[in-house]
Amino acid sequence: MRRNCIRAILQTALFAIFLQACAHGGPYKGRVIEDVNGEPIAGVVVVVYWTYTTPNVGGGTTHCLDADEAVTDAGGEFDIPARKAGLFGRTGTANLAIYKVGYQRFGPGPWSSLKEASSLKKIVKWEGDRAVIPLKRVPKSRLHTAEGGYPSVCGRKDGKPLSALEQARKEYRRALGLKP
């Protein structure tokens, strides 16, 4: 009897671990538009990166798990595929950063806040499972500010660069009159 009980507990625990390991984060879909006229913006870099925090005496240390990027098409659409969880279901927090030279940076911040944060509920609209995110134009004179600046995000776990984001960084530096 006792052995059967222990076996059932172990099987349940292993099944729970298996379910977590098969979990996915995402997909992350959306459309980026001009805030004034609602027109789609092509060529916007959208980065989703996953982090987790380990608690410590100072509050916590954030670690990067992985990152992925997409560039919006002519319709302003982006789609970043679902991410398979790691061991024990560690997908972490999905964070979003959106950037294009000449527009106000959006994020970085948690993807979940697009639906949950009251301040973002007024800005971000939803079409089914797609977020519709408006960007404001930034005059060239304000590009050097945090409002128009280039976002800082963590990188891919495989060490490959986020090439679209790197290209946007070079474009940003050129717009400021600096060497890329």
Protein backbone atom coordinates (compact mmCIF):
# COMPACT_ATOMS: atom_id res chain seq x y z
CA MET A 1 0.00 0.00 0.00
CA ARG A 2 2.71 2.45 1.00
CA ARG A 3 4.79 1.58 -2.07
CA ASN A 4 1.79 2.20 -4.35
CA CYS A 5 1.21 5.57 -2.71
CA ILE A 6 4.87 6.57 -3.21
CA ARG A 7 4.75 5.37 -6.82
CA ALA A 8 1.60 7.42 -7.48
CA ILE A 9 3.21 10.52 -5.99
CA LEU A 10 6.36 10.04 -8.10
CA GLN A 11 4.35 9.44 -11.27
CA THR A 12 2.29 12.56 -10.63
CA ALA A 13 5.44 14.63 -10.02
CA LEU A 14 7.11 13.31 -13.18
CA PHE A 15 3.96 13.99 -15.21
CA ALA A 16 3.83 17.57 -13.87
CA ILE A 17 7.49 18.09 -14.82
CA PHE A 18 6.78 16.68 -18.30
CA LEU A 19 3.81 19.02 -18.80
CA GLN A 20 5.90 22.02 -17.75
CA ALA A 21 8.74 21.04 -20.09
CA CYS A 22 6.26 20.94 -23.00
CA ALA A 23 4.79 24.33 -22.18
CA HIS A 24 5.17 27.19 -24.62
CA GLY A 25 5.42 30.94 -24.28
CA GLY A 26 3.74 32.86 -27.07
CA PRO A 27 3.25 33.25 -29.93
CA TYR A 28 3.68 37.02 -29.84
CA LYS A 29 1.72 38.69 -32.62
CA GLY A 30 0.89 42.26 -33.37
CA ARG A 31 0.68 45.22 -35.65
CA VAL A 32 2.58 48.48 -35.24
CA ILE A 33 0.82 51.65 -36.42
CA GLU A 34 1.29 55.43 -36.47
CA ASP A 35 -0.42 56.90 -33.43
CA VAL A 36 -1.85 59.88 -35.37
CA ASN A 37 -3.33 58.30 -38.50
CA GLY A 38 -3.37 54.56 -37.73
CA GLU A 39 -1.27 53.73 -40.79
CA PRO A 40 0.92 50.61 -40.51
CA ILE A 41 4.66 51.14 -40.02
CA ALA A 42 6.95 48.82 -41.98
CA GLY A 43 10.51 48.03 -40.91
CA VAL A 44 9.96 48.27 -37.15
CA VAL A 45 12.20 45.99 -35.08
CA VAL A 46 10.25 43.97 -32.51
CA VAL A 47 12.24 42.03 -29.91
CA VAL A 48 10.83 39.58 -27.39
CA TYR A 49 13.31 38.45 -24.76
CA TRP A 50 12.78 36.14 -21.83
CA THR A 51 14.18 36.75 -18.34
CA TYR A 52 13.80 35.29 -14.90
CA THR A 53 14.71 36.69 -11.50
CA THR A 54 16.35 34.81 -8.67
CA PRO A 55 15.63 36.36 -5.28
CA ASN A 56 18.50 37.56 -3.12
CA VAL A 57 19.13 39.90 -0.21
CA GLY A 58 19.17 42.95 -2.53
CA GLY A 59 15.79 42.02 -4.06
CA GLY A 60 16.74 39.86 -7.03
CA THR A 61 19.06 39.25 -9.93
CA THR A 62 17.61 39.15 -13.43
CA HIS A 63 18.98 36.57 -15.86
CA CYS A 64 18.44 36.40 -19.60
CA LEU A 65 17.12 33.14 -21.02
CA ASP A 66 16.80 33.91 -24.73
CA ALA A 67 15.64 36.49 -27.28
CA ASP A 68 14.02 36.58 -30.70
CA GLU A 69 13.23 39.37 -33.13
CA ALA A 70 11.04 40.20 -36.09
CA VAL A 71 10.72 43.14 -38.46
CA THR A 72 7.26 44.42 -39.34
CA ASP A 73 6.08 43.88 -42.91
CA ALA A 74 4.35 46.42 -45.17
CA GLY A 75 1.15 45.97 -43.13
CA GLY A 76 3.00 46.67 -39.87
CA GLU A 77 2.52 43.02 -38.82
CA PHE A 78 4.93 40.95 -36.76
CA ASP A 79 4.84 37.38 -35.50
CA ILE A 80 7.37 35.86 -33.12
CA PRO A 81 6.76 32.12 -32.74
CA ALA A 82 5.98 30.33 -29.51
CA ARG A 83 8.97 29.48 -27.37
CA LYS A 84 9.35 25.99 -25.93
CA ALA A 85 10.00 26.03 -22.22
CA GLY A 86 13.22 24.77 -20.76
CA LEU A 87 13.64 22.17 -18.05
CA PHE A 88 11.02 22.53 -15.30
CA GLY A 89 9.00 24.87 -17.52
CA ARG A 90 11.29 27.86 -17.09
CA THR A 91 10.06 30.19 -19.83
CA GLY A 92 10.56 33.24 -17.65
CA THR A 93 8.95 36.58 -18.29
CA ALA A 94 8.45 37.56 -21.91
CA ASN A 95 9.55 41.17 -22.40
CA LEU A 96 8.87 43.32 -25.42
CA ALA A 97 10.88 46.14 -27.00
CA ILE A 98 9.84 47.90 -30.21
CA TYR A 99 12.06 50.33 -32.07
CA LYS A 100 12.39 52.26 -35.31
CA VAL A 101 14.48 55.38 -35.88
CA GLY A 102 12.21 58.42 -35.94
CA TYR A 103 9.63 56.94 -33.57
CA GLN A 104 9.29 56.81 -29.81
CA ARG A 105 10.66 53.57 -28.41
CA PHE A 106 8.04 51.22 -26.95
CA GLY A 107 9.27 49.21 -23.99
CA PRO A 108 11.11 47.32 -22.87
CA GLY A 109 8.51 45.83 -20.60
CA PRO A 110 6.61 42.59 -19.95
CA TRP A 111 4.38 41.35 -22.79
CA SER A 112 1.69 40.54 -20.20
CA SER A 113 1.50 44.24 -19.23
CA LEU A 114 0.02 45.03 -22.65
CA LYS A 115 -3.25 43.55 -21.38
CA GLU A 116 -2.85 44.06 -17.64
CA ALA A 117 -1.39 47.53 -17.05
CA SER A 118 -4.13 50.16 -16.87
CA SER A 119 -1.89 52.78 -18.51
CA LEU A 120 -1.26 50.49 -21.51
CA LYS A 121 -4.90 49.37 -21.84
CA LYS A 122 -5.65 52.90 -23.06
CA ILE A 123 -2.90 52.73 -25.70
CA VAL A 124 -2.67 49.13 -26.92
CA LYS A 125 -5.73 47.66 -28.61
CA TRP A 126 -6.32 43.99 -29.37
CA GLU A 127 -7.59 42.30 -32.51
CA GLY A 128 -8.10 38.74 -31.34
CA ASP A 129 -4.65 37.57 -30.19
CA ARG A 130 -2.80 40.44 -31.97
CA ALA A 131 -1.69 43.55 -30.11
CA VAL A 132 -2.11 46.79 -32.06
CA ILE A 133 0.65 49.09 -30.84
CA PRO A 134 0.79 52.76 -31.84
CA LEU A 135 4.14 54.57 -32.09
CA LYS A 136 4.62 58.34 -31.91
CA ARG A 137 6.96 60.16 -34.25
CA VAL A 138 9.99 61.75 -32.60
CA PRO A 139 11.56 64.84 -34.18
CA LYS A 140 15.23 64.48 -35.13
CA SER A 141 16.14 66.97 -32.39
CA ARG A 142 14.81 64.50 -29.76
CA LEU A 143 16.41 61.29 -31.10
CA HIS A 144 19.21 61.48 -28.53
CA THR A 145 16.77 61.40 -25.60
CA ALA A 146 15.41 58.33 -23.84
CA GLU A 147 12.17 58.98 -25.73
CA GLY A 148 13.82 58.38 -29.10
CA GLY A 149 16.73 56.26 -27.94
CA TYR A 150 17.74 52.77 -28.81
CA PRO A 151 16.47 50.05 -26.40
CA SER A 152 18.77 47.83 -24.37
CA VAL A 153 17.75 44.15 -24.35
CA CYS A 154 19.47 40.86 -23.65
CA GLY A 155 20.59 38.52 -26.40
CA ARG A 156 20.03 35.05 -27.76
CA LYS A 157 21.11 32.00 -25.79
CA ASP A 158 22.88 30.62 -28.88
CA GLY A 159 25.12 33.71 -29.00
CA LYS A 160 23.93 34.79 -32.45
CA PRO A 161 23.31 38.53 -32.75
CA LEU A 162 19.91 40.12 -33.01
CA SER A 163 20.78 41.32 -36.51
CA ALA A 164 17.72 43.52 -37.15
CA LEU A 165 18.21 45.27 -33.80
CA GLU A 166 21.92 45.72 -34.52
CA GLN A 167 21.05 47.27 -37.90
CA ALA A 168 18.59 49.62 -36.16
CA ARG A 169 21.34 50.63 -33.71
CA LYS A 170 23.61 51.54 -36.63
CA GLU A 171 20.80 53.51 -38.29
CA TYR A 172 20.19 55.35 -35.00
CA ARG A 173 23.87 56.31 -34.72
CA ARG A 174 23.89 57.55 -38.34
CA ALA A 175 20.77 59.63 -37.65
CA LEU A 176 22.66 61.27 -34.77
CA GLY A 177 25.63 61.95 -37.05
CA LEU A 178 27.84 59.35 -35.31
CA LYS A 179 29.83 56.50 -36.76
CA PRO A 180 27.84 53.25 -36.80
